[in-house]
Amino acid sequence: MKHFTLADVLDVLFYSLSAWLVSFGILRYFRLNVWLCVLFAFLFAVAAGFGSGLLLSGSRQKKVRTKREREDRDALMLHLALEKEERVRASLLTALVADGREANLKGDVLEEKGVLLVPLFTMEPLSADSVAGLLRTYGDAPLTVLCNALSDEAERLLLRFGKGILRADEVYSLFSRTSTTPNPLICGQLPRRTVRASLRRSFSKKNARPFFVSGLILLIMSLFTLFPVYYLVSGCVLLVTAVLVRAVGFAEVT
């Protein structure tokens, strides 16, 4: 089970312990032998832990995959916004042809079956003023705008005049499924936060108070739950962590 975090492990332990307590109580209600109750309750706990672990692992992998795709899409959009216009058109033409579409260059734009494809990748959402400029330039010609994002006013204006829109997700999907993503990307390898940097941020002295408050809340919640062990253990761990972080934690970082 990859991509597991401490929170996932604690959740699995909580579900396993809950299953053990519930099943043990039910079996004892029917007056089974104590050791049989312990054994069967243990089996139920293992099954509950394994099942919850599979569910959490699948959910975690889906989130990681979605995050990675979002990062790749954003990197591509940044590249298209920073790249020279002629190279953007060349990249788009390569992707369209690889996708089996009849596209070609026509001056400063692309054309596909009589429809002009105008790339306008910008750092900010495409404005209505930019769209108005396009409408003045191309008039009534069939037109599709390829962009990162666009404002609500720009979208309404394009739709009012019957123009097409190809947004970031669709552009990324085109490059991704045809394996024609430009390489290397401009700023495609942005520095990522290292494990050490993450640990310094998580266990900086300023986080002692959040650890303490969270632990205190969990201890209070243990007074009102049917299975307080999870909250008691978690609360105590957080309180001890708060003390240790305040005493020997990293210097405060911004």
Protein backbone atom coordinates (compact mmCIF):
# COMPACT_ATOMS: atom_id res chain seq x y z
CA MET A 1 0.00 0.00 0.00
CA LYS A 2 1.91 2.99 -1.30
CA HIS A 3 1.51 6.66 -0.46
CA PHE A 4 0.37 5.90 3.10
CA THR A 5 0.66 8.70 5.63
CA LEU A 6 0.66 8.64 9.42
CA ALA A 7 -2.98 9.75 9.37
CA ASP A 8 -3.88 6.74 7.19
CA VAL A 9 -2.06 4.37 9.55
CA LEU A 10 -3.91 5.83 12.53
CA ASP A 11 -7.22 5.48 10.68
CA VAL A 12 -6.50 1.82 9.91
CA LEU A 13 -5.63 1.17 13.56
CA PHE A 14 -8.80 2.97 14.64
CA TYR A 15 -11.02 0.90 12.32
CA SER A 16 -9.30 -2.31 13.40
CA LEU A 17 -9.67 -1.50 17.09
CA SER A 18 -13.31 -0.49 16.61
CA ALA A 19 -14.04 -3.74 14.76
CA TRP A 20 -12.34 -5.73 17.54
CA LEU A 21 -14.33 -4.04 20.30
CA VAL A 22 -17.68 -4.28 18.50
CA SER A 23 -17.23 -7.91 17.46
CA PHE A 24 -15.94 -8.91 20.90
CA GLY A 25 -18.96 -7.27 22.54
CA ILE A 26 -21.41 -9.01 20.18
CA LEU A 27 -19.77 -12.40 20.63
CA ARG A 28 -19.73 -12.06 24.40
CA TYR A 29 -23.42 -11.14 24.28
CA PHE A 30 -24.07 -14.62 22.90
CA ARG A 31 -21.97 -16.05 25.75
CA LEU A 32 -19.20 -17.58 23.67
CA ASN A 33 -15.99 -18.65 25.32
CA VAL A 34 -13.76 -15.68 26.12
CA TRP A 35 -10.80 -16.97 24.14
CA LEU A 36 -12.98 -17.75 21.14
CA CYS A 37 -14.35 -14.22 21.36
CA VAL A 38 -10.80 -12.83 21.42
CA LEU A 39 -9.78 -14.96 18.45
CA PHE A 40 -12.78 -14.18 16.25
CA ALA A 41 -12.65 -10.50 17.23
CA PHE A 42 -8.99 -10.45 16.20
CA LEU A 43 -9.90 -11.96 12.81
CA PHE A 44 -12.62 -9.35 12.32
CA ALA A 45 -10.15 -6.61 13.26
CA VAL A 46 -7.58 -7.86 10.73
CA ALA A 47 -10.24 -8.00 8.01
CA ALA A 48 -11.46 -4.50 8.85
CA GLY A 49 -7.91 -3.15 8.89
CA PHE A 50 -7.02 -4.80 5.58
CA GLY A 51 -10.22 -3.59 3.92
CA SER A 52 -9.89 -0.03 5.16
CA GLY A 53 -6.22 -0.08 4.15
CA LEU A 54 -7.11 -1.04 0.58
CA LEU A 55 -9.74 1.69 0.38
CA LEU A 56 -7.41 4.33 1.80
CA SER A 57 -4.57 3.22 -0.46
CA GLY A 58 -6.75 3.45 -3.57
CA SER A 59 -8.02 6.86 -2.57
CA ARG A 60 -4.49 8.08 -1.83
CA GLN A 61 -3.13 6.82 -5.18
CA LYS A 62 -5.98 8.54 -7.01
CA LYS A 63 -5.22 11.81 -5.27
CA VAL A 64 -1.51 11.51 -6.04
CA ARG A 65 -2.25 10.75 -9.71
CA THR A 66 -4.66 13.67 -9.95
CA LYS A 67 -2.15 16.00 -8.32
CA ARG A 68 0.63 14.87 -10.68
CA GLU A 69 -1.60 15.43 -13.73
CA ARG A 70 -2.56 18.88 -12.46
CA GLU A 71 1.09 19.78 -11.96
CA ASP A 72 1.96 18.52 -15.46
CA ARG A 73 -0.92 20.51 -16.95
CA ASP A 74 0.13 23.69 -15.15
CA ALA A 75 3.73 23.22 -16.30
CA LEU A 76 2.57 22.83 -19.91
CA MET A 77 0.35 25.92 -19.70
CA LEU A 78 3.24 27.94 -18.25
CA HIS A 79 5.46 26.76 -21.10
CA LEU A 80 2.88 27.74 -23.74
CA ALA A 81 2.45 31.16 -22.13
CA LEU A 82 6.20 31.83 -22.13
CA GLU A 83 7.20 30.18 -25.41
CA LYS A 84 7.53 32.09 -28.70
CA GLU A 85 4.30 32.19 -30.69
CA GLU A 86 5.68 30.40 -33.74
CA ARG A 87 6.96 27.54 -31.57
CA VAL A 88 3.60 27.29 -29.82
CA ARG A 89 1.88 26.97 -33.19
CA ALA A 90 4.40 24.35 -34.31
CA SER A 91 3.86 22.30 -31.13
CA LEU A 92 0.09 22.48 -31.49
CA LEU A 93 0.28 21.47 -35.16
CA THR A 94 2.43 18.44 -34.25
CA ALA A 95 -0.07 17.38 -31.57
CA LEU A 96 -3.09 17.84 -33.85
CA VAL A 97 -1.52 15.85 -36.69
CA ALA A 98 -0.49 13.10 -34.26
CA ASP A 99 -4.12 13.03 -33.11
CA GLY A 100 -5.19 12.24 -36.68
CA ARG A 101 -6.73 15.64 -37.36
CA GLU A 102 -6.45 17.54 -40.65
CA ALA A 103 -4.72 20.67 -39.42
CA ASN A 104 -2.28 23.01 -41.10
CA LEU A 105 -0.65 26.40 -40.65
CA LYS A 106 -2.39 29.41 -42.17
CA GLY A 107 -0.38 32.54 -41.56
CA ASP A 108 -0.25 33.28 -37.85
CA VAL A 109 -2.94 30.75 -36.92
CA LEU A 110 -3.80 27.10 -37.40
CA GLU A 111 -6.64 25.82 -39.52
CA GLU A 112 -8.65 22.63 -39.30
CA LYS A 113 -11.41 21.97 -41.84
CA GLY A 114 -12.07 25.67 -42.38
CA VAL A 115 -12.01 26.53 -38.65
CA LEU A 116 -9.26 28.86 -37.47
CA LEU A 117 -7.45 27.76 -34.30
CA VAL A 118 -6.00 30.76 -32.50
CA PRO A 119 -3.64 30.05 -29.55
CA LEU A 120 -3.76 32.73 -26.87
CA PHE A 121 -1.99 31.35 -23.82
CA THR A 122 -1.55 34.02 -21.15
CA MET A 123 -0.49 34.12 -17.51
CA GLU A 124 -3.79 35.71 -16.50
CA PRO A 125 -7.26 34.56 -17.64
CA LEU A 126 -7.99 35.80 -21.14
CA SER A 127 -9.84 39.12 -20.93
CA ALA A 128 -12.89 40.33 -22.84
CA ASP A 129 -10.74 43.06 -24.42
CA SER A 130 -8.44 40.42 -25.95
CA VAL A 131 -11.45 38.54 -27.26
CA ALA A 132 -12.88 41.73 -28.72
CA GLY A 133 -9.59 42.27 -30.56
CA LEU A 134 -9.83 38.77 -32.03
CA LEU A 135 -13.39 39.40 -33.19
CA ARG A 136 -12.32 42.61 -34.88
CA THR A 137 -9.43 40.82 -36.60
CA TYR A 138 -11.23 37.69 -37.83
CA GLY A 139 -14.81 38.91 -38.07
CA ASP A 140 -17.34 36.19 -38.90
CA ALA A 141 -14.76 33.50 -39.70
CA PRO A 142 -15.25 30.20 -37.84
CA LEU A 143 -12.90 30.45 -34.89
CA THR A 144 -11.72 28.43 -31.88
CA VAL A 145 -9.59 30.02 -29.19
CA LEU A 146 -7.00 27.87 -27.39
CA CYS A 147 -6.19 29.34 -23.99
CA ASN A 148 -5.14 28.58 -20.45
CA ALA A 149 -8.21 30.16 -18.89
CA LEU A 150 -10.57 32.99 -19.67
CA SER A 151 -12.74 35.39 -17.72
CA ASP A 152 -16.51 35.01 -17.54
CA GLU A 153 -16.97 38.11 -19.71
CA ALA A 154 -14.59 36.71 -22.35
CA GLU A 155 -16.40 33.37 -22.38
CA ARG A 156 -19.81 34.99 -22.77
CA LEU A 157 -18.51 37.15 -25.61
CA LEU A 158 -17.07 34.18 -27.50
CA LEU A 159 -20.22 32.13 -27.07
CA ARG A 160 -22.40 35.04 -28.13
CA PHE A 161 -20.57 35.16 -31.46
CA GLY A 162 -20.56 31.38 -31.85
CA LYS A 163 -16.82 30.91 -31.36
CA GLY A 164 -15.26 27.75 -29.91
CA ILE A 165 -13.10 27.47 -26.79
CA LEU A 166 -10.36 24.98 -26.01
CA ARG A 167 -9.25 25.31 -22.37
CA ALA A 168 -6.20 24.10 -20.45
CA ASP A 169 -7.59 20.63 -19.62
CA GLU A 170 -8.46 19.90 -23.26
CA VAL A 171 -5.12 21.23 -24.54
CA TYR A 172 -3.25 19.14 -21.95
CA SER A 173 -5.29 16.07 -22.91
CA LEU A 174 -4.36 16.61 -26.58
CA PHE A 175 -0.64 16.73 -25.84
CA SER A 176 -0.82 13.91 -23.29
CA ARG A 177 -2.68 11.33 -25.39
CA THR A 178 -0.48 12.01 -28.43
CA SER A 179 2.77 12.00 -26.39
CA THR A 180 3.82 15.27 -28.05
CA THR A 181 4.39 17.41 -24.96
CA PRO A 182 7.30 19.78 -25.67
CA ASN A 183 10.54 18.72 -24.02
CA PRO A 184 12.14 20.39 -22.22
CA LEU A 185 9.45 22.69 -20.86
CA ILE A 186 10.27 26.24 -19.93
CA CYS A 187 10.45 26.26 -16.12
CA GLY A 188 9.32 22.65 -16.28
CA GLN A 189 11.63 21.60 -13.46
CA LEU A 190 10.64 23.95 -10.69
CA PRO A 191 12.36 23.32 -7.36
CA ARG A 192 10.23 21.19 -5.09
CA ARG A 193 10.13 21.20 -1.34
CA THR A 194 12.46 18.53 0.02
CA VAL A 195 11.64 16.15 2.85
CA ARG A 196 14.03 18.04 5.12
CA ALA A 197 12.35 21.35 4.34
CA SER A 198 8.92 19.83 4.97
CA LEU A 199 10.08 18.44 8.33
CA ARG A 200 11.55 21.80 9.32
CA ARG A 201 8.26 23.50 8.50
CA SER A 202 6.10 20.86 10.22
CA PHE A 203 8.17 20.74 13.40
CA SER A 204 9.09 24.39 13.74
CA LYS A 205 8.57 25.92 17.17
CA LYS A 206 5.60 27.97 16.01
CA ASN A 207 3.64 24.74 15.44
CA ALA A 208 3.82 23.77 19.12
CA ARG A 209 0.55 25.59 19.81
CA PRO A 210 -1.45 23.84 17.01
CA PHE A 211 -0.12 20.45 18.20
CA PHE A 212 -1.12 21.30 21.77
CA VAL A 213 -4.61 22.54 20.87
CA SER A 214 -5.27 19.52 18.62
CA GLY A 215 -4.15 17.12 21.34
CA LEU A 216 -6.30 18.86 23.95
CA ILE A 217 -9.36 18.71 21.67
CA LEU A 218 -8.84 14.99 21.07
CA LEU A 219 -8.59 14.33 24.82
CA ILE A 220 -11.82 16.25 25.40
CA MET A 221 -13.54 14.33 22.59
CA SER A 222 -12.54 11.05 24.24
CA LEU A 223 -14.97 11.87 27.04
CA PHE A 224 -17.93 11.75 24.65
CA THR A 225 -17.18 8.78 22.39
CA LEU A 226 -17.94 5.08 22.69
CA PHE A 227 -14.36 4.15 21.76
CA PRO A 228 -12.11 6.72 23.44
CA VAL A 229 -8.81 4.82 23.08
CA TYR A 230 -8.05 6.26 19.63
CA TYR A 231 -8.63 9.81 20.86
CA LEU A 232 -6.73 9.27 24.10
CA VAL A 233 -3.67 7.86 22.37
CA SER A 234 -3.70 10.44 19.56
CA GLY A 235 -4.28 13.29 22.00
CA CYS A 236 -1.43 12.22 24.26
CA VAL A 237 0.92 11.81 21.29
CA LEU A 238 0.08 15.32 20.05
CA LEU A 239 0.54 16.84 23.52
CA VAL A 240 3.94 15.18 23.92
CA THR A 241 4.85 16.31 20.40
CA ALA A 242 3.88 19.88 21.31
CA VAL A 243 6.20 19.84 24.30
CA LEU A 244 9.09 18.34 22.31
CA VAL A 245 8.61 20.74 19.40
CA ARG A 246 8.56 23.71 21.73
CA ALA A 247 11.64 22.49 23.56
CA VAL A 248 13.87 21.17 20.77
CA GLY A 249 12.01 22.02 17.55
CA PHE A 250 13.48 23.83 14.58
CA ALA A 251 13.82 27.59 14.66
CA GLU A 252 10.68 29.26 13.32
CA VAL A 253 10.49 29.40 9.53
CA THR A 254 8.34 31.50 7.26
